[in-house]
């Protein structure tokens, strides 16, 4: 059942100190698609009727690319 799966998931998260939600994974995926292919592609992937909804999921931070320390 849905409630059984949810309670199992919550227990697993507690046992393994996981501090994220499925919504976070969706936001990461939509942010990556938006950066690589544009907001319209992210909106299509999410099947959102409105770009405003997609904007809620897209993370607004700029990427900073750094070189590894040698």
N, C-alpha and C. Protein backbone atom coordinates (compact mmCIF):
# COMPACT_ATOMS: atom_id res chain seq x y z
N UNK A 1 0.83 -1.19 0.00
CA UNK A 1 0.00 0.00 0.00
C UNK A 1 0.88 1.25 0.00
N UNK A 2 0.26 2.35 -0.33
CA UNK A 2 0.99 3.62 -0.34
C UNK A 2 1.47 3.97 1.06
N UNK A 3 0.62 3.81 2.05
CA UNK A 3 1.02 4.16 3.42
C UNK A 3 2.12 3.23 3.93
N UNK A 4 2.08 1.97 3.54
CA UNK A 4 3.13 1.03 3.93
C UNK A 4 4.46 1.39 3.30
N UNK A 5 4.43 1.76 2.03
CA UNK A 5 5.65 2.17 1.35
C UNK A 5 6.20 3.43 2.00
N UNK A 6 5.32 4.37 2.29
CA UNK A 6 5.74 5.64 2.89
C UNK A 6 6.37 5.42 4.26
N UNK A 7 5.76 4.58 5.09
CA UNK A 7 6.34 4.35 6.42
C UNK A 7 7.69 3.64 6.30
N UNK A 8 7.81 2.72 5.35
CA UNK A 8 9.10 2.05 5.13
C UNK A 8 10.16 3.02 4.66
N UNK A 9 9.77 3.93 3.77
CA UNK A 9 10.70 4.94 3.27
C UNK A 9 11.16 5.86 4.39
N UNK A 10 10.23 6.28 5.25
CA UNK A 10 10.58 7.15 6.37
C UNK A 10 11.56 6.45 7.31
N UNK A 11 11.33 5.18 7.57
CA UNK A 11 12.22 4.40 8.44
C UNK A 11 13.61 4.30 7.81
N UNK A 12 13.66 4.01 6.53
CA UNK A 12 14.94 3.91 5.81
C UNK A 12 15.70 5.23 5.89
N UNK A 13 14.99 6.36 5.69
CA UNK A 13 15.62 7.67 5.76
C UNK A 13 16.21 7.94 7.14
N UNK A 14 15.49 7.58 8.18
CA UNK A 14 16.00 7.77 9.54
C UNK A 14 17.25 6.92 9.78
N UNK A 15 17.20 5.67 9.37
CA UNK A 15 18.32 4.75 9.60
C UNK A 15 19.58 5.18 8.87
N UNK A 16 19.44 5.81 7.72
CA UNK A 16 20.58 6.15 6.89
C UNK A 16 20.85 7.66 6.82
N UNK A 17 20.22 8.40 7.71
CA UNK A 17 20.43 9.86 7.80
C UNK A 17 20.24 10.55 6.45
N UNK A 18 19.20 10.18 5.74
CA UNK A 18 18.89 10.79 4.46
C UNK A 18 18.00 12.00 4.70
N UNK A 19 18.42 13.14 4.18
CA UNK A 19 17.68 14.38 4.41
C UNK A 19 17.26 15.01 3.08
N UNK A 20 16.53 14.26 2.26
CA UNK A 20 16.01 14.80 1.01
C UNK A 20 14.68 14.15 0.71
N UNK A 21 13.96 14.77 -0.21
CA UNK A 21 12.66 14.25 -0.62
C UNK A 21 12.69 13.98 -2.12
N UNK A 22 11.74 13.20 -2.60
CA UNK A 22 11.67 12.91 -4.03
C UNK A 22 11.55 14.20 -4.84
N UNK A 23 10.88 15.19 -4.27
CA UNK A 23 10.75 16.48 -4.95
C UNK A 23 12.12 17.10 -5.23
N UNK A 24 13.09 16.85 -4.33
CA UNK A 24 14.44 17.37 -4.53
C UNK A 24 15.11 16.74 -5.75
N UNK A 25 14.86 15.45 -5.97
CA UNK A 25 15.43 14.76 -7.13
C UNK A 25 14.82 15.33 -8.41
N UNK A 26 13.52 15.56 -8.39
CA UNK A 26 12.84 16.15 -9.55
C UNK A 26 13.40 17.54 -9.83
N UNK A 27 13.60 18.33 -8.78
CA UNK A 27 14.14 19.68 -8.94
C UNK A 27 15.54 19.63 -9.55
N UNK A 28 16.36 18.70 -9.10
CA UNK A 28 17.72 18.56 -9.63
C UNK A 28 17.67 18.22 -11.12
N UNK A 29 16.83 17.27 -11.48
CA UNK A 29 16.72 16.86 -12.88
C UNK A 29 16.24 18.01 -13.76
N UNK A 30 15.21 18.72 -13.31
CA UNK A 30 14.69 19.84 -14.10
C UNK A 30 15.68 20.99 -14.18
N UNK A 31 16.44 21.21 -13.12
CA UNK A 31 17.47 22.25 -13.14
C UNK A 31 18.55 21.91 -14.17
N UNK A 32 18.99 20.66 -14.16
CA UNK A 32 20.02 20.23 -15.11
C UNK A 32 19.54 20.37 -16.55
N UNK A 33 18.31 19.93 -16.82
CA UNK A 33 17.76 20.03 -18.18
C UNK A 33 17.63 21.50 -18.58
N UNK A 34 17.17 22.32 -17.66
CA UNK A 34 17.01 23.75 -17.95
C UNK A 34 18.35 24.39 -18.31
N UNK A 35 19.40 24.04 -17.59
CA UNK A 35 20.72 24.61 -17.85
C UNK A 35 21.30 24.13 -19.18
N UNK A 36 21.04 22.88 -19.51
CA UNK A 36 21.61 22.31 -20.73
C UNK A 36 20.79 22.60 -21.98
N UNK A 37 19.45 22.61 -21.84
CA UNK A 37 18.58 22.70 -23.02
C UNK A 37 17.55 23.82 -22.97
N UNK A 38 17.48 24.52 -21.84
CA UNK A 38 16.54 25.63 -21.72
C UNK A 38 15.29 25.28 -20.92
N UNK A 39 14.63 26.34 -20.46
CA UNK A 39 13.46 26.15 -19.61
C UNK A 39 12.33 25.44 -20.32
N UNK A 40 12.14 25.69 -21.60
CA UNK A 40 11.05 25.03 -22.33
C UNK A 40 11.23 23.52 -22.34
N UNK A 41 12.47 23.05 -22.46
CA UNK A 41 12.73 21.61 -22.43
C UNK A 41 12.42 21.04 -21.05
N UNK A 42 12.78 21.78 -20.01
CA UNK A 42 12.47 21.33 -18.64
C UNK A 42 10.97 21.29 -18.42
N UNK A 43 10.27 22.29 -18.92
CA UNK A 43 8.81 22.33 -18.79
C UNK A 43 8.17 21.14 -19.50
N UNK A 44 8.67 20.81 -20.69
CA UNK A 44 8.13 19.67 -21.44
C UNK A 44 8.39 18.37 -20.69
N UNK A 45 9.60 18.21 -20.15
CA UNK A 45 9.94 17.00 -19.40
C UNK A 45 9.03 16.84 -18.19
N UNK A 46 8.75 17.94 -17.51
CA UNK A 46 7.91 17.88 -16.31
C UNK A 46 6.43 17.79 -16.63
N UNK A 47 6.07 18.01 -17.88
CA UNK A 47 4.66 18.01 -18.31
C UNK A 47 3.86 19.09 -17.58
N UNK A 48 4.50 20.23 -17.35
CA UNK A 48 3.82 21.36 -16.73
C UNK A 48 3.11 22.18 -17.81
N UNK A 49 1.88 22.54 -17.56
CA UNK A 49 1.15 23.40 -18.49
C UNK A 49 1.68 24.83 -18.44
N UNK A 50 2.22 25.22 -17.31
CA UNK A 50 2.68 26.59 -17.12
C UNK A 50 4.18 26.61 -16.81
N UNK A 51 4.88 27.54 -17.44
CA UNK A 51 6.29 27.72 -17.14
C UNK A 51 6.52 28.20 -15.72
N UNK A 52 5.53 28.85 -15.15
CA UNK A 52 5.63 29.32 -13.77
C UNK A 52 5.81 28.15 -12.82
N UNK A 53 5.10 27.07 -13.08
CA UNK A 53 5.23 25.87 -12.24
C UNK A 53 6.64 25.31 -12.36
N UNK A 54 7.16 25.26 -13.56
CA UNK A 54 8.52 24.75 -13.78
C UNK A 54 9.53 25.60 -13.03
N UNK A 55 9.34 26.90 -13.01
CA UNK A 55 10.26 27.79 -12.32
C UNK A 55 10.36 27.48 -10.82
N UNK A 56 9.30 26.95 -10.24
CA UNK A 56 9.32 26.57 -8.83
C UNK A 56 10.36 25.48 -8.59
N UNK A 57 10.50 24.58 -9.54
CA UNK A 57 11.41 23.45 -9.40
C UNK A 57 12.85 23.78 -9.76
N UNK A 58 13.04 24.72 -10.68
CA UNK A 58 14.39 25.02 -11.15
C UNK A 58 15.14 25.81 -10.09
N UNK A 59 16.32 25.33 -9.75
CA UNK A 59 17.15 26.00 -8.76
C UNK A 59 17.80 27.22 -9.40
N UNK A 60 17.74 28.34 -8.72
CA UNK A 60 18.17 29.62 -9.29
C UNK A 60 19.67 29.89 -9.14
N UNK A 61 20.38 29.02 -8.47
CA UNK A 61 21.80 29.28 -8.25
C UNK A 61 22.61 29.12 -9.53
N UNK A 62 23.60 29.97 -9.67
CA UNK A 62 24.53 29.84 -10.80
C UNK A 62 25.54 28.75 -10.46
N UNK A 63 25.97 28.06 -11.50
CA UNK A 63 27.01 27.05 -11.30
C UNK A 63 28.36 27.73 -11.24
N UNK A 64 29.17 27.25 -10.35
CA UNK A 64 30.55 27.72 -10.28
C UNK A 64 31.42 26.50 -10.55
N UNK A 65 32.18 26.58 -11.64
CA UNK A 65 33.06 25.47 -11.99
C UNK A 65 34.45 25.79 -11.45
N UNK A 66 34.97 24.89 -10.65
CA UNK A 66 36.28 25.10 -10.04
C UNK A 66 37.22 23.98 -10.46
N UNK A 67 38.49 24.26 -10.38
CA UNK A 67 39.51 23.26 -10.66
C UNK A 67 39.85 22.54 -9.36
N UNK A 68 40.13 21.24 -9.44
CA UNK A 68 40.48 20.51 -8.23
C UNK A 68 41.81 21.00 -7.66
N UNK A 69 41.93 20.89 -6.36
CA UNK A 69 43.17 21.27 -5.68
C UNK A 69 44.21 20.19 -5.94
N UNK A 70 45.40 20.61 -6.29
CA UNK A 70 46.47 19.62 -6.57
C UNK A 70 47.36 19.44 -5.39
